[in-house]
Protein backbone atom coordinates (compact mmCIF):
# COMPACT_ATOMS: atom_id res chain seq x y z
CA MET A 1 -152.51 -116.80 149.14
CA LYS A 2 -153.71 -117.35 152.70
CA ASP A 3 -157.29 -117.57 151.43
CA LYS A 4 -156.26 -120.32 149.01
CA MET A 5 -154.44 -122.21 151.78
CA SER A 6 -157.43 -122.11 154.08
CA LYS A 7 -159.59 -123.43 151.26
CA VAL A 8 -157.15 -126.29 150.71
CA SER A 9 -157.25 -127.15 154.41
CA VAL A 10 -161.06 -127.14 154.38
CA ILE A 11 -161.11 -129.37 151.30
CA LEU A 12 -158.55 -131.75 152.84
CA LYS A 13 -160.57 -131.99 156.04
CA ARG A 14 -163.75 -132.78 154.06
CA ILE A 15 -161.96 -135.46 152.05
CA LEU A 16 -160.58 -137.12 155.19
CA GLU A 17 -163.97 -137.00 156.92
CA SER A 18 -165.73 -138.43 153.85
CA ARG A 19 -163.35 -141.40 153.95
CA GLY A 20 -163.90 -141.95 157.67
CA LEU A 21 -160.54 -140.50 158.67
CA GLY A 22 -161.77 -137.38 160.49
CA ASN A 23 -161.12 -138.92 163.90
CA SER A 24 -157.69 -140.08 162.76
CA LEU A 25 -156.82 -136.49 161.89
CA SER A 26 -157.95 -135.28 165.34
CA GLU A 27 -156.07 -138.12 167.01
CA TYR A 28 -152.90 -137.34 165.07
CA ARG A 29 -153.15 -133.65 165.96
CA ILE A 30 -153.57 -134.45 169.67
CA LEU A 31 -150.69 -136.93 169.69
CA ASN A 32 -148.45 -134.56 167.77
CA GLN A 33 -149.22 -131.42 169.79
CA TRP A 34 -149.93 -132.88 173.24
CA GLN A 35 -147.30 -130.90 175.16
CA ASN A 36 -148.35 -127.64 173.48
CA ALA A 37 -151.98 -128.28 174.35
CA VAL A 38 -151.63 -129.30 178.02
CA GLY A 39 -148.24 -127.96 179.11
CA ALA A 40 -144.93 -129.58 179.97
CA VAL A 41 -145.83 -130.76 183.48
CA ILE A 42 -148.88 -132.79 182.44
CA ALA A 43 -147.18 -134.01 179.24
CA HIS A 44 -144.31 -135.47 181.26
CA HIS A 45 -146.69 -137.61 183.31
CA ALA A 46 -149.47 -138.44 180.86
CA GLN A 47 -149.40 -139.43 177.22
CA PRO A 48 -152.29 -139.87 174.78
CA GLN A 49 -152.62 -143.45 173.56
CA ALA A 50 -155.87 -143.65 171.63
CA MET A 51 -158.97 -141.76 170.74
CA TYR A 52 -162.36 -143.36 170.19
CA GLY A 53 -164.84 -140.82 168.93
CA LYS A 54 -164.34 -137.90 171.30
CA LYS A 55 -163.00 -139.99 174.18
CA LEU A 56 -159.24 -139.71 174.74
CA THR A 57 -157.31 -142.47 176.53
CA LEU A 58 -154.20 -141.37 178.40
CA THR A 59 -151.41 -143.48 179.84
CA VAL A 60 -150.26 -142.05 183.17
CA ASP A 61 -146.90 -142.83 184.79
CA SER A 62 -147.96 -143.12 188.46
CA THR A 63 -150.98 -143.57 190.70
CA ALA A 64 -150.34 -140.15 192.28
CA TRP A 65 -150.58 -138.53 188.86
CA MET A 66 -153.68 -140.58 188.00
CA GLN A 67 -155.37 -139.11 191.04
CA GLN A 68 -154.21 -135.57 190.22
CA LEU A 69 -155.24 -135.86 186.57
CA SER A 70 -158.63 -137.33 187.43
CA LEU A 71 -159.31 -134.10 189.32
CA LEU A 72 -158.00 -132.05 186.39
CA LYS A 73 -160.01 -133.83 183.64
CA PRO A 74 -162.31 -130.84 182.98
CA GLU A 75 -159.32 -128.49 182.75
CA ILE A 76 -157.40 -130.84 180.43
CA ILE A 77 -160.44 -131.25 178.18
CA GLU A 78 -160.83 -127.47 178.07
CA ARG A 79 -157.13 -126.93 177.31
CA VAL A 80 -157.13 -129.45 174.46
CA ASN A 81 -160.37 -128.13 172.98
CA ASN A 82 -159.16 -124.52 173.24
CA HIS A 83 -155.82 -125.45 171.68
CA TYR A 84 -157.55 -126.96 168.64
CA GLY A 85 -160.37 -124.43 168.47
CA GLY A 86 -163.27 -126.84 168.77
CA GLU A 87 -164.85 -129.70 170.64
CA VAL A 88 -162.20 -132.32 169.90
CA ILE A 89 -162.63 -134.36 173.10
CA LEU A 90 -165.50 -134.76 175.56
CA ASP A 91 -164.08 -137.32 177.98
CA ILE A 92 -160.78 -138.77 179.16
CA THR A 93 -159.94 -142.28 180.36
CA LEU A 94 -156.80 -142.72 182.47
CA LYS A 95 -154.73 -145.91 182.48
CA LEU A 96 -151.61 -146.63 184.49
CA GLY A 97 -148.62 -147.58 182.38
CA GLU A 98 -145.17 -146.76 181.11
CA LEU A 99 -144.80 -143.70 178.93
CA THR A 100 -143.05 -144.06 175.60
CA SER A 101 -142.60 -140.35 175.04
CA SER A 102 -139.30 -138.90 173.91
CA LEU A 103 -139.83 -135.69 175.89
CA LYS A 104 -136.84 -134.37 177.76
CA PRO A 105 -137.10 -135.01 181.48
CA LEU A 106 -138.17 -132.07 183.59
CA GLU A 107 -135.34 -130.42 185.45
CA ALA A 108 -135.17 -131.68 188.99
CA PRO A 109 -135.51 -128.77 191.38
CA SER A 110 -132.13 -128.46 193.05
CA VAL A 111 -133.21 -125.73 195.46
CA LYS A 112 -135.27 -128.11 197.60
CA ALA A 113 -132.09 -129.53 199.09
CA ILE A 114 -130.96 -126.01 200.05
CA LEU A 115 -134.25 -124.83 201.54
CA SER A 116 -135.03 -125.75 205.12
CA ARG A 117 -137.94 -128.00 206.00
CA GLU A 118 -139.83 -124.97 207.35
CA GLU A 119 -139.23 -123.02 204.14
CA ARG A 120 -140.42 -125.92 202.00
CA ALA A 121 -143.56 -126.20 204.18
CA LEU A 122 -144.19 -122.48 203.78
CA VAL A 123 -143.82 -122.77 200.00
CA ALA A 124 -146.33 -125.65 200.02
CA THR A 125 -148.88 -123.54 201.91
CA TYR A 126 -148.48 -120.71 199.38
CA LEU A 127 -149.12 -123.14 196.52
CA GLN A 128 -152.04 -125.12 197.95
CA ASN A 129 -154.75 -123.01 196.27
CA ILE A 130 -153.12 -122.92 192.84
CA HIS A 131 -154.76 -125.68 190.83
CA ASP A 132 -153.15 -125.17 187.43
CA LEU A 133 -150.03 -127.37 187.43
CA ASP A 134 -147.94 -125.16 185.15
CA THR A 135 -148.79 -122.04 187.14
CA ARG A 136 -148.11 -123.83 190.42
CA GLU A 137 -144.70 -125.00 189.19
CA ASN A 138 -143.76 -121.52 187.97
CA VAL A 139 -144.88 -119.86 191.21
CA ARG A 140 -142.98 -122.50 193.22
CA ARG A 141 -139.78 -121.70 191.33
CA VAL A 142 -140.19 -117.96 191.90
CA ILE A 143 -140.85 -118.36 195.64
CA GLU A 144 -137.94 -120.77 196.10
CA LYS A 145 -135.64 -118.47 194.14
CA ASP A 146 -136.73 -115.58 196.35
CA PHE A 147 -135.89 -117.58 199.48
CA LEU A 148 -132.48 -118.41 198.07
CA ASN A 149 -131.81 -114.79 197.07
CA ARG A 150 -132.69 -113.64 200.58
CA LYS A 151 -130.36 -116.25 202.07
CA SER A 152 -127.49 -115.22 199.83
CA LYS A 153 -127.94 -111.54 200.80
CA ILE A 154 -127.81 -112.44 204.49
CA THR A 155 -124.57 -114.43 204.08
CA GLN A 156 -122.86 -111.70 202.04
């Protein structure tokens, strides 16, 4: 059965490409699976808007994120291409704008208010060499949680 399904998908892809809709299929897949391809952190600050050939246009919610994402373009391209198993995009254009995504907002880190300024600075130094945004966010949470656990043991 799986063999028949893969043949149907190959046939469908050929039909769409023969009618000039191959790029539309890629664009739809990227729009539909954006968060899965790039991770929650990037998806909450950048949203795909259009695709022309293999050039993806993203709307970004702030100038700070535009700067960050411009540095991460090669990594984002690699993530998207790896997610879809092929060379789906070759370049990314970033445009500042308002996102229309229905993604749930990221949880605001409540521990920052509890950590001292010195502790927050120490966390920042630990994270400075981690370039992957999802990894950096996860490591930040672990370190901050460790600080809070140590504080709670001292006060007990």
